[in-house]
Amino acid sequence: MSDGISEDSADVVGVLTERIEARFDMGMDQLKAAVAAAPTANPDATDVVKWHGLLVEAQSVLERAEDDLLAALQTQPSEVDDPTMGLAHRVNAAVTARDGRAMVVRWLLDPNAPGKKDLAAERLARLRPRTGPAVQTSAPNRPAGSTAPATAWRSARAAR
């Protein structure tokens, strides 16, 4: 990989945590607190904190799966049984989940990543939660004596 994270890196979470802290110029605990206090103030920080949390969770699941597999392998004779093979598949799934979340964090941290400066980026921006109502929630002010559109429609229909 060209971004400094090797395929064999055991500390993907640590490397990405350092990049997050450098990008936002504060420690993860401070960043989490800032996002918790004002989640809409910086949508980029909010997204990074969310995905970092998912990455940390995936890393924990992976470590538990690896420990379970190692314990099972230590009790196995030369041939691996089906339950142990199931543990190996669980490790593979956990690696895939962790790596996928790491890719999302890397994408969020890269301002020049594909899809951030084109039509896809505009669509993504429209999907972000809004801070206020998307449509007017109160009746518009009408001059006294004017009729509402529904009333005007009904009267035009009756005239036919």
N, C-alpha and C. Protein backbone atom coordinates (compact mmCIF):
# COMPACT_ATOMS: atom_id res chain seq x y z
N MET A 1 0.84 -1.18 0.00
CA MET A 1 0.00 0.00 0.00
C MET A 1 0.88 1.24 0.00
N SER A 2 0.44 2.25 -0.67
CA SER A 2 1.28 3.43 -0.83
C SER A 2 1.18 4.40 0.33
N ASP A 3 0.29 4.19 1.26
CA ASP A 3 0.09 5.16 2.33
C ASP A 3 0.83 4.81 3.62
N GLY A 4 1.76 3.88 3.57
CA GLY A 4 2.58 3.58 4.73
C GLY A 4 2.07 2.46 5.60
N ILE A 5 0.90 1.92 5.30
CA ILE A 5 0.39 0.79 6.07
C ILE A 5 0.67 -0.45 5.25
N SER A 6 1.56 -1.31 5.74
CA SER A 6 1.88 -2.51 4.99
C SER A 6 0.80 -3.55 5.20
N GLU A 7 0.77 -4.52 4.30
CA GLU A 7 -0.20 -5.60 4.40
C GLU A 7 0.02 -6.39 5.69
N ASP A 8 1.27 -6.45 6.18
CA ASP A 8 1.60 -7.24 7.35
C ASP A 8 1.51 -6.46 8.65
N SER A 9 1.11 -5.21 8.58
CA SER A 9 1.09 -4.37 9.78
C SER A 9 0.12 -4.92 10.81
N ALA A 10 0.65 -5.17 12.00
CA ALA A 10 -0.19 -5.68 13.08
C ALA A 10 -0.89 -4.55 13.81
N ASP A 11 -0.41 -3.32 13.64
CA ASP A 11 -0.97 -2.20 14.39
C ASP A 11 -1.64 -1.19 13.47
N VAL A 12 -2.58 -1.68 12.67
CA VAL A 12 -3.32 -0.81 11.76
C VAL A 12 -4.04 0.29 12.55
N VAL A 13 -4.63 -0.09 13.66
CA VAL A 13 -5.38 0.87 14.47
C VAL A 13 -4.44 1.96 14.99
N GLY A 14 -3.26 1.58 15.46
CA GLY A 14 -2.31 2.56 15.98
C GLY A 14 -1.86 3.55 14.93
N VAL A 15 -1.56 3.05 13.73
CA VAL A 15 -1.12 3.93 12.64
C VAL A 15 -2.22 4.90 12.26
N LEU A 16 -3.44 4.40 12.12
CA LEU A 16 -4.55 5.28 11.73
C LEU A 16 -4.92 6.25 12.85
N THR A 17 -4.79 5.82 14.09
CA THR A 17 -5.05 6.73 15.22
C THR A 17 -4.07 7.90 15.18
N GLU A 18 -2.80 7.61 14.92
CA GLU A 18 -1.80 8.68 14.82
C GLU A 18 -2.14 9.64 13.69
N ARG A 19 -2.59 9.12 12.56
CA ARG A 19 -2.97 9.99 11.43
C ARG A 19 -4.17 10.86 11.78
N ILE A 20 -5.13 10.29 12.48
CA ILE A 20 -6.31 11.07 12.88
C ILE A 20 -5.88 12.19 13.82
N GLU A 21 -5.05 11.85 14.79
CA GLU A 21 -4.60 12.86 15.76
C GLU A 21 -3.81 13.96 15.06
N ALA A 22 -3.00 13.60 14.08
CA ALA A 22 -2.24 14.62 13.34
C ALA A 22 -3.17 15.48 12.49
N ARG A 23 -4.15 14.87 11.86
CA ARG A 23 -5.07 15.60 10.98
C ARG A 23 -5.89 16.62 11.76
N PHE A 24 -6.37 16.25 12.94
CA PHE A 24 -7.23 17.13 13.72
C PHE A 24 -6.47 17.85 14.82
N ASP A 25 -5.18 17.60 14.92
CA ASP A 25 -4.29 18.28 15.86
C ASP A 25 -4.76 18.16 17.31
N MET A 26 -5.22 16.95 17.66
CA MET A 26 -5.60 16.66 19.05
C MET A 26 -5.63 15.16 19.24
N GLY A 27 -5.57 14.73 20.49
CA GLY A 27 -5.62 13.31 20.80
C GLY A 27 -7.01 12.73 20.54
N MET A 28 -7.08 11.42 20.41
CA MET A 28 -8.37 10.77 20.13
C MET A 28 -9.40 11.05 21.21
N ASP A 29 -8.98 11.03 22.47
CA ASP A 29 -9.94 11.30 23.55
C ASP A 29 -10.51 12.70 23.43
N GLN A 30 -9.64 13.67 23.12
CA GLN A 30 -10.11 15.05 22.94
C GLN A 30 -11.05 15.15 21.75
N LEU A 31 -10.69 14.48 20.66
CA LEU A 31 -11.52 14.52 19.46
C LEU A 31 -12.88 13.89 19.71
N LYS A 32 -12.90 12.76 20.40
CA LYS A 32 -14.17 12.11 20.74
C LYS A 32 -15.04 13.03 21.59
N ALA A 33 -14.41 13.69 22.56
CA ALA A 33 -15.16 14.61 23.43
C ALA A 33 -15.71 15.78 22.63
N ALA A 34 -14.91 16.32 21.72
CA ALA A 34 -15.35 17.44 20.90
C ALA A 34 -16.52 17.04 20.00
N VAL A 35 -16.44 15.85 19.42
CA VAL A 35 -17.52 15.37 18.56
C VAL A 35 -18.78 15.09 19.38
N ALA A 36 -18.61 14.54 20.58
CA ALA A 36 -19.76 14.27 21.43
C ALA A 36 -20.45 15.57 21.85
N ALA A 37 -19.66 16.62 22.08
CA ALA A 37 -20.21 17.90 22.51
C ALA A 37 -20.92 18.63 21.37
N ALA A 38 -20.39 18.50 20.15
CA ALA A 38 -20.96 19.21 19.00
C ALA A 38 -20.86 18.33 17.76
N PRO A 39 -21.73 17.33 17.63
CA PRO A 39 -21.60 16.37 16.53
C PRO A 39 -21.78 16.96 15.14
N THR A 40 -22.45 18.09 15.01
CA THR A 40 -22.65 18.68 13.69
C THR A 40 -21.66 19.78 13.37
N ALA A 41 -20.79 20.12 14.30
CA ALA A 41 -19.83 21.21 14.08
C ALA A 41 -18.83 20.88 12.98
N ASN A 42 -18.36 19.66 12.95
CA ASN A 42 -17.39 19.24 11.94
C ASN A 42 -17.77 17.84 11.47
N PRO A 43 -18.54 17.76 10.38
CA PRO A 43 -18.98 16.44 9.91
C PRO A 43 -17.83 15.48 9.59
N ASP A 44 -16.70 16.01 9.12
CA ASP A 44 -15.55 15.14 8.84
C ASP A 44 -15.04 14.49 10.11
N ALA A 45 -14.93 15.26 11.18
CA ALA A 45 -14.47 14.72 12.46
C ALA A 45 -15.47 13.70 13.00
N THR A 46 -16.74 14.00 12.86
CA THR A 46 -17.77 13.08 13.33
C THR A 46 -17.68 11.74 12.60
N ASP A 47 -17.51 11.79 11.28
CA ASP A 47 -17.38 10.56 10.50
C ASP A 47 -16.14 9.78 10.90
N VAL A 48 -15.02 10.47 11.06
CA VAL A 48 -13.77 9.79 11.41
C VAL A 48 -13.88 9.14 12.79
N VAL A 49 -14.45 9.84 13.75
CA VAL A 49 -14.60 9.27 15.10
C VAL A 49 -15.50 8.04 15.06
N LYS A 50 -16.59 8.12 14.32
CA LYS A 50 -17.50 6.97 14.20
C LYS A 50 -16.77 5.76 13.62
N TRP A 51 -16.08 5.95 12.50
CA TRP A 51 -15.41 4.84 11.84
C TRP A 51 -14.20 4.36 12.60
N HIS A 52 -13.54 5.23 13.33
CA HIS A 52 -12.42 4.80 14.18
C HIS A 52 -12.95 3.88 15.27
N GLY A 53 -14.08 4.23 15.85
CA GLY A 53 -14.69 3.37 16.87
C GLY A 53 -15.04 2.00 16.31
N LEU A 54 -15.58 1.98 15.09
CA LEU A 54 -15.89 0.70 14.44
C LEU A 54 -14.62 -0.10 14.15
N LEU A 55 -13.56 0.60 13.79
CA LEU A 55 -12.27 -0.05 13.53
C LEU A 55 -11.71 -0.66 14.81
N VAL A 56 -11.75 0.07 15.91
CA VAL A 56 -11.27 -0.45 17.19
C VAL A 56 -12.07 -1.68 17.60
N GLU A 57 -13.37 -1.62 17.41
CA GLU A 57 -14.23 -2.76 17.73
C GLU A 57 -13.86 -3.97 16.87
N ALA A 58 -13.65 -3.76 15.58
CA ALA A 58 -13.29 -4.86 14.67
C ALA A 58 -11.93 -5.45 15.05
N GLN A 59 -11.00 -4.61 15.49
CA GLN A 59 -9.69 -5.11 15.91
C GLN A 59 -9.83 -5.98 17.15
N SER A 60 -10.68 -5.61 18.07
CA SER A 60 -10.91 -6.42 19.27
C SER A 60 -11.50 -7.78 18.92
N VAL A 61 -12.46 -7.77 18.00
CA VAL A 61 -13.07 -9.03 17.56
C VAL A 61 -12.01 -9.92 16.91
N LEU A 62 -11.16 -9.32 16.10
CA LEU A 62 -10.09 -10.07 15.44
C LEU A 62 -9.14 -10.69 16.47
N GLU A 63 -8.74 -9.92 17.46
CA GLU A 63 -7.81 -10.43 18.47
C GLU A 63 -8.41 -11.60 19.25
N ARG A 64 -9.70 -11.50 19.58
CA ARG A 64 -10.36 -12.61 20.28
C ARG A 64 -10.43 -13.84 19.39
N ALA A 65 -10.75 -13.65 18.11
CA ALA A 65 -10.83 -14.78 17.18
C ALA A 65 -9.47 -15.44 17.01
N GLU A 66 -8.42 -14.63 16.92
CA GLU A 66 -7.06 -15.19 16.80
C GLU A 66 -6.68 -15.97 18.06
N ASP A 67 -7.01 -15.44 19.22
CA ASP A 67 -6.71 -16.15 20.47
C ASP A 67 -7.44 -17.49 20.54
N ASP A 68 -8.71 -17.49 20.14
CA ASP A 68 -9.49 -18.73 20.15
C ASP A 68 -8.89 -19.76 19.18
N LEU A 69 -8.49 -19.29 18.01
CA LEU A 69 -7.90 -20.20 17.02
C LEU A 69 -6.57 -20.75 17.52
N LEU A 70 -5.75 -19.90 18.09
CA LEU A 70 -4.46 -20.35 18.60
C LEU A 70 -4.64 -21.40 19.70
N ALA A 71 -5.58 -21.16 20.59
CA ALA A 71 -5.84 -22.13 21.67
C ALA A 71 -6.32 -23.46 21.09
N ALA A 72 -7.17 -23.41 20.08
CA ALA A 72 -7.67 -24.64 19.47
C ALA A 72 -6.55 -25.38 18.74
N LEU A 73 -5.70 -24.65 18.06
CA LEU A 73 -4.60 -25.27 17.32
C LEU A 73 -3.59 -25.94 18.24
N GLN A 74 -3.42 -25.42 19.42
CA GLN A 74 -2.47 -26.00 20.38
C GLN A 74 -2.94 -27.35 20.91
N THR A 75 -4.23 -27.62 20.81
CA THR A 75 -4.77 -28.89 21.30
C THR A 75 -4.99 -29.90 20.19
N GLN A 76 -4.75 -29.50 18.94
CA GLN A 76 -5.01 -30.35 17.79
C GLN A 76 -3.84 -31.27 17.49
N PRO A 77 -4.14 -32.48 17.04
CA PRO A 77 -3.07 -33.32 16.49
C PRO A 77 -2.68 -32.75 15.12
N SER A 78 -2.07 -33.49 14.29
CA SER A 78 -1.58 -32.98 13.02
C SER A 78 -2.70 -32.55 12.07
N GLU A 79 -3.90 -33.11 12.20
CA GLU A 79 -5.02 -32.74 11.34
C GLU A 79 -5.95 -31.79 12.08
N VAL A 80 -6.46 -30.80 11.36
CA VAL A 80 -7.37 -29.80 11.94
C VAL A 80 -8.81 -30.28 11.77
N ASP A 81 -9.57 -30.22 12.87
CA ASP A 81 -10.97 -30.65 12.80
C ASP A 81 -11.87 -29.50 12.33
N ASP A 82 -13.13 -29.84 12.08
CA ASP A 82 -14.08 -28.85 11.54
C ASP A 82 -14.30 -27.65 12.47
N PRO A 83 -14.46 -27.84 13.78
CA PRO A 83 -14.63 -26.66 14.64
C PRO A 83 -13.41 -25.71 14.58
N THR A 84 -12.24 -26.27 14.50
CA THR A 84 -11.05 -25.43 14.42
C THR A 84 -11.00 -24.71 13.08
N MET A 85 -11.41 -25.40 12.02
CA MET A 85 -11.47 -24.76 10.71
C MET A 85 -12.50 -23.62 10.73
N GLY A 86 -13.58 -23.81 11.47
CA GLY A 86 -14.57 -22.74 11.64
C GLY A 86 -13.96 -21.52 12.32
N LEU A 87 -13.09 -21.77 13.30
CA LEU A 87 -12.39 -20.66 13.96
C LEU A 87 -11.47 -19.93 12.97
N ALA A 88 -10.83 -20.68 12.09
CA ALA A 88 -9.97 -20.06 11.08
C ALA A 88 -10.80 -19.17 10.15
N HIS A 89 -11.97 -19.64 9.78
CA HIS A 89 -12.86 -18.82 8.94
C HIS A 89 -13.31 -17.57 9.68
N ARG A 90 -13.54 -17.71 10.99
CA ARG A 90 -13.92 -16.55 11.81
C ARG A 90 -12.80 -15.52 11.83
N VAL A 91 -11.56 -15.97 11.91
CA VAL A 91 -10.41 -15.05 11.86
C VAL A 91 -10.37 -14.34 10.51
N ASN A 92 -10.55 -15.10 9.44
CA ASN A 92 -10.55 -14.47 8.11
C ASN A 92 -11.64 -13.42 7.97
N ALA A 93 -12.82 -13.71 8.47
CA ALA A 93 -13.91 -12.74 8.41
C ALA A 93 -13.60 -11.50 9.24
N ALA A 94 -12.98 -11.71 10.40
CA ALA A 94 -12.62 -10.58 11.26
C ALA A 94 -11.54 -9.70 10.61
N VAL A 95 -10.60 -10.32 9.92
CA VAL A 95 -9.56 -9.55 9.21
C VAL A 95 -10.21 -8.73 8.10
N THR A 96 -11.13 -9.34 7.38
CA THR A 96 -11.81 -8.62 6.30
C THR A 96 -12.59 -7.42 6.85
N ALA A 97 -13.30 -7.61 7.94
CA ALA A 97 -14.06 -6.51 8.55
C ALA A 97 -13.13 -5.40 9.02
N ARG A 98 -12.06 -5.78 9.70
CA ARG A 98 -11.11 -4.78 10.20
C ARG A 98 -10.46 -4.01 9.04
N ASP A 99 -10.04 -4.73 8.01
CA ASP A 99 -9.39 -4.07 6.87
C ASP A 99 -10.36 -3.15 6.12
N GLY A 100 -11.61 -3.58 6.00
CA GLY A 100 -12.61 -2.73 5.35
C GLY A 100 -12.82 -1.43 6.12
N ARG A 101 -12.91 -1.53 7.42
CA ARG A 101 -13.09 -0.32 8.24
C ARG A 101 -11.85 0.56 8.20
N ALA A 102 -10.68 -0.06 8.14
CA ALA A 102 -9.44 0.71 8.02
C ALA A 102 -9.42 1.47 6.70
N MET A 103 -9.91 0.84 5.64
CA MET A 103 -9.96 1.51 4.33
C MET A 103 -10.88 2.73 4.38
N VAL A 104 -12.00 2.60 5.08
CA VAL A 104 -12.92 3.73 5.20
C VAL A 104 -12.25 4.87 5.95
N VAL A 105 -11.56 4.56 7.04
CA VAL A 105 -10.88 5.61 7.82
C VAL A 105 -9.82 6.29 6.95
N ARG A 106 -9.05 5.51 6.21
CA ARG A 106 -8.03 6.10 5.33
C ARG A 106 -8.68 6.99 4.28
N TRP A 107 -9.80 6.55 3.72
CA TRP A 107 -10.50 7.36 2.73
C TRP A 107 -10.99 8.66 3.34
N LEU A 108 -11.54 8.58 4.55
CA LEU A 108 -12.03 9.79 5.22
C LEU A 108 -10.90 10.78 5.50
N LEU A 109 -9.70 10.28 5.76
CA LEU A 109 -8.57 11.14 6.08
C LEU A 109 -7.92 11.76 4.84
N ASP A 110 -8.16 11.20 3.67
CA ASP A 110 -7.51 11.67 2.44
C ASP A 110 -8.39 12.67 1.72
N PRO A 111 -8.01 13.96 1.73
CA PRO A 111 -8.85 14.97 1.08
C PRO A 111 -8.88 14.82 -0.44
N ASN A 112 -7.91 14.11 -1.02
CA ASN A 112 -7.86 13.93 -2.47
C ASN A 112 -8.31 12.54 -2.91
N ALA A 113 -8.97 11.82 -2.02
CA ALA A 113 -9.43 10.47 -2.34
C ALA A 113 -10.45 10.51 -3.47
N PRO A 114 -10.47 9.46 -4.28
CA PRO A 114 -11.47 9.41 -5.35
C PRO A 114 -12.88 9.55 -4.78
N GLY A 115 -13.67 10.36 -5.45
CA GLY A 115 -15.05 10.55 -5.04
C GLY A 115 -15.28 11.72 -4.10
N LYS A 116 -14.21 12.43 -3.73
CA LYS A 116 -14.40 13.54 -2.80
C LYS A 116 -14.52 14.90 -3.49
N LYS A 117 -14.18 14.96 -4.77
CA LYS A 117 -14.22 16.25 -5.46
C LYS A 117 -14.97 16.16 -6.78
N ASP A 118 -16.01 15.37 -6.83
CA ASP A 118 -16.76 15.21 -8.06
C ASP A 118 -18.24 15.05 -7.76
N LEU A 119 -18.97 14.56 -8.71
CA LEU A 119 -20.41 14.39 -8.54
C LEU A 119 -20.74 13.48 -7.37
N ALA A 120 -19.94 12.44 -7.19
CA ALA A 120 -20.17 11.52 -6.07
C ALA A 120 -20.06 12.26 -4.74
N ALA A 121 -19.11 13.19 -4.64
CA ALA A 121 -18.94 13.96 -3.41
C ALA A 121 -20.16 14.85 -3.15
N GLU A 122 -20.71 15.41 -4.21
CA GLU A 122 -21.90 16.24 -4.04
C GLU A 122 -23.07 15.40 -3.55
N ARG A 123 -23.21 14.20 -4.09
CA ARG A 123 -24.29 13.32 -3.65
C ARG A 123 -24.09 12.91 -2.20
N LEU A 124 -22.85 12.61 -1.83
CA LEU A 124 -22.56 12.25 -0.45
C LEU A 124 -22.89 13.40 0.50
N ALA A 125 -22.57 14.61 0.09
CA ALA A 125 -22.86 15.77 0.93
C ALA A 125 -24.37 15.92 1.15
N ARG A 126 -25.16 15.57 0.14
CA ARG A 126 -26.62 15.65 0.29
C ARG A 126 -27.14 14.60 1.26
N LEU A 127 -26.41 13.52 1.46
CA LEU A 127 -26.85 12.47 2.38
C LEU A 127 -26.55 12.78 3.84
N ARG A 128 -25.67 13.74 4.07
CA ARG A 128 -25.34 14.10 5.46
C ARG A 128 -26.59 14.58 6.18
N PRO A 129 -26.68 14.32 7.47
CA PRO A 129 -27.84 14.79 8.22
C PRO A 129 -27.93 16.31 8.20
N ARG A 130 -29.12 16.79 8.07
CA ARG A 130 -29.33 18.24 8.05
C ARG A 130 -29.41 18.77 9.48
N THR A 131 -29.06 20.03 9.63
CA THR A 131 -29.12 20.63 10.96
C THR A 131 -30.48 21.26 11.22
N GLY A 132 -31.27 21.44 10.21
CA GLY A 132 -32.59 22.03 10.38
C GLY A 132 -33.57 21.37 9.45
N PRO A 133 -34.80 21.84 9.44
CA PRO A 133 -35.80 21.22 8.57
C PRO A 133 -35.46 21.43 7.09
N ALA A 134 -35.76 20.44 6.27
CA ALA A 134 -35.49 20.53 4.84
C ALA A 134 -36.54 21.35 4.12
N VAL A 135 -37.72 21.41 4.69
CA VAL A 135 -38.80 22.19 4.09
C VAL A 135 -39.37 23.14 5.14
N GLN A 136 -40.09 24.12 4.67
CA GLN A 136 -40.70 25.07 5.58
C GLN A 136 -41.72 24.35 6.44
N THR A 137 -41.67 24.58 7.75
CA THR A 137 -42.56 23.85 8.66
C THR A 137 -43.72 24.69 9.16
N SER A 138 -43.78 25.96 8.78
CA SER A 138 -44.92 26.79 9.19
C SER A 138 -45.60 27.33 7.94
N ALA A 139 -46.86 27.71 8.11
CA ALA A 139 -47.61 28.24 6.97
C ALA A 139 -47.01 29.57 6.53
N PRO A 140 -46.95 29.80 5.22
CA PRO A 140 -46.42 31.08 4.75
C PRO A 140 -47.37 32.21 5.12
N ASN A 141 -46.80 33.39 5.28
CA ASN A 141 -47.62 34.56 5.59
C ASN A 141 -48.36 34.98 4.32
N ARG A 142 -49.67 35.13 4.43
CA ARG A 142 -50.48 35.55 3.28
C ARG A 142 -51.16 36.87 3.65
N PRO A 143 -51.31 37.70 2.68
CA PRO A 143 -52.04 38.94 2.95
C PRO A 143 -53.49 38.64 3.34
N ALA A 144 -54.06 39.49 4.16
CA ALA A 144 -55.44 39.28 4.60
C ALA A 144 -56.36 39.24 3.39
N GLY A 145 -57.29 38.30 3.38
CA GLY A 145 -58.27 38.22 2.30
C GLY A 145 -57.85 37.32 1.15
N SER A 146 -56.60 36.87 1.13
CA SER A 146 -56.19 35.99 0.02
C SER A 146 -56.62 34.57 0.33
N THR A 147 -56.84 33.80 -0.69
CA THR A 147 -57.26 32.42 -0.49
C THR A 147 -56.07 31.49 -0.62
N ALA A 148 -56.14 30.39 0.08
CA ALA A 148 -55.08 29.39 0.01
C ALA A 148 -55.20 28.66 -1.32
N PRO A 149 -54.14 28.07 -1.81
CA PRO A 149 -54.19 27.37 -3.10
C PRO A 149 -55.26 26.29 -3.15
N ALA A 150 -55.48 25.54 -2.08
CA ALA A 150 -56.49 24.49 -2.09
C ALA A 150 -57.88 25.08 -2.27
N THR A 151 -58.13 26.20 -1.61
CA THR A 151 -59.42 26.86 -1.74
C THR A 151 -59.61 27.36 -3.16
N ALA A 152 -58.56 27.90 -3.73
CA ALA A 152 -58.64 28.40 -5.10
C ALA A 152 -58.88 27.25 -6.05
N TRP A 153 -58.28 26.12 -5.83
CA TRP A 153 -58.48 24.95 -6.70
C TRP A 153 -59.93 24.47 -6.61
N ARG A 154 -60.45 24.40 -5.39
CA ARG A 154 -61.82 23.94 -5.22
C ARG A 154 -62.81 24.88 -5.92
N SER A 155 -62.60 26.17 -5.80
CA SER A 155 -63.54 27.13 -6.41
C SER A 155 -63.43 27.08 -7.93
N ALA A 156 -62.23 26.83 -8.48
CA ALA A 156 -62.08 26.74 -9.92
C ALA A 156 -62.77 25.45 -10.43
N ARG A 157 -62.71 24.39 -9.65
CA ARG A 157 -63.31 23.12 -10.01
C ARG A 157 -64.85 23.24 -10.00
N ALA A 158 -65.37 23.95 -9.03
CA ALA A 158 -66.82 24.13 -8.91
C ALA A 158 -67.36 24.97 -10.06
N ALA A 159 -66.56 25.87 -10.59
CA ALA A 159 -67.00 26.76 -11.67
C ALA A 159 -67.15 26.02 -13.00
N ARG A 160 -66.54 24.87 -13.14
CA ARG A 160 -66.60 24.13 -14.40
C ARG A 160 -67.93 23.61 -14.67
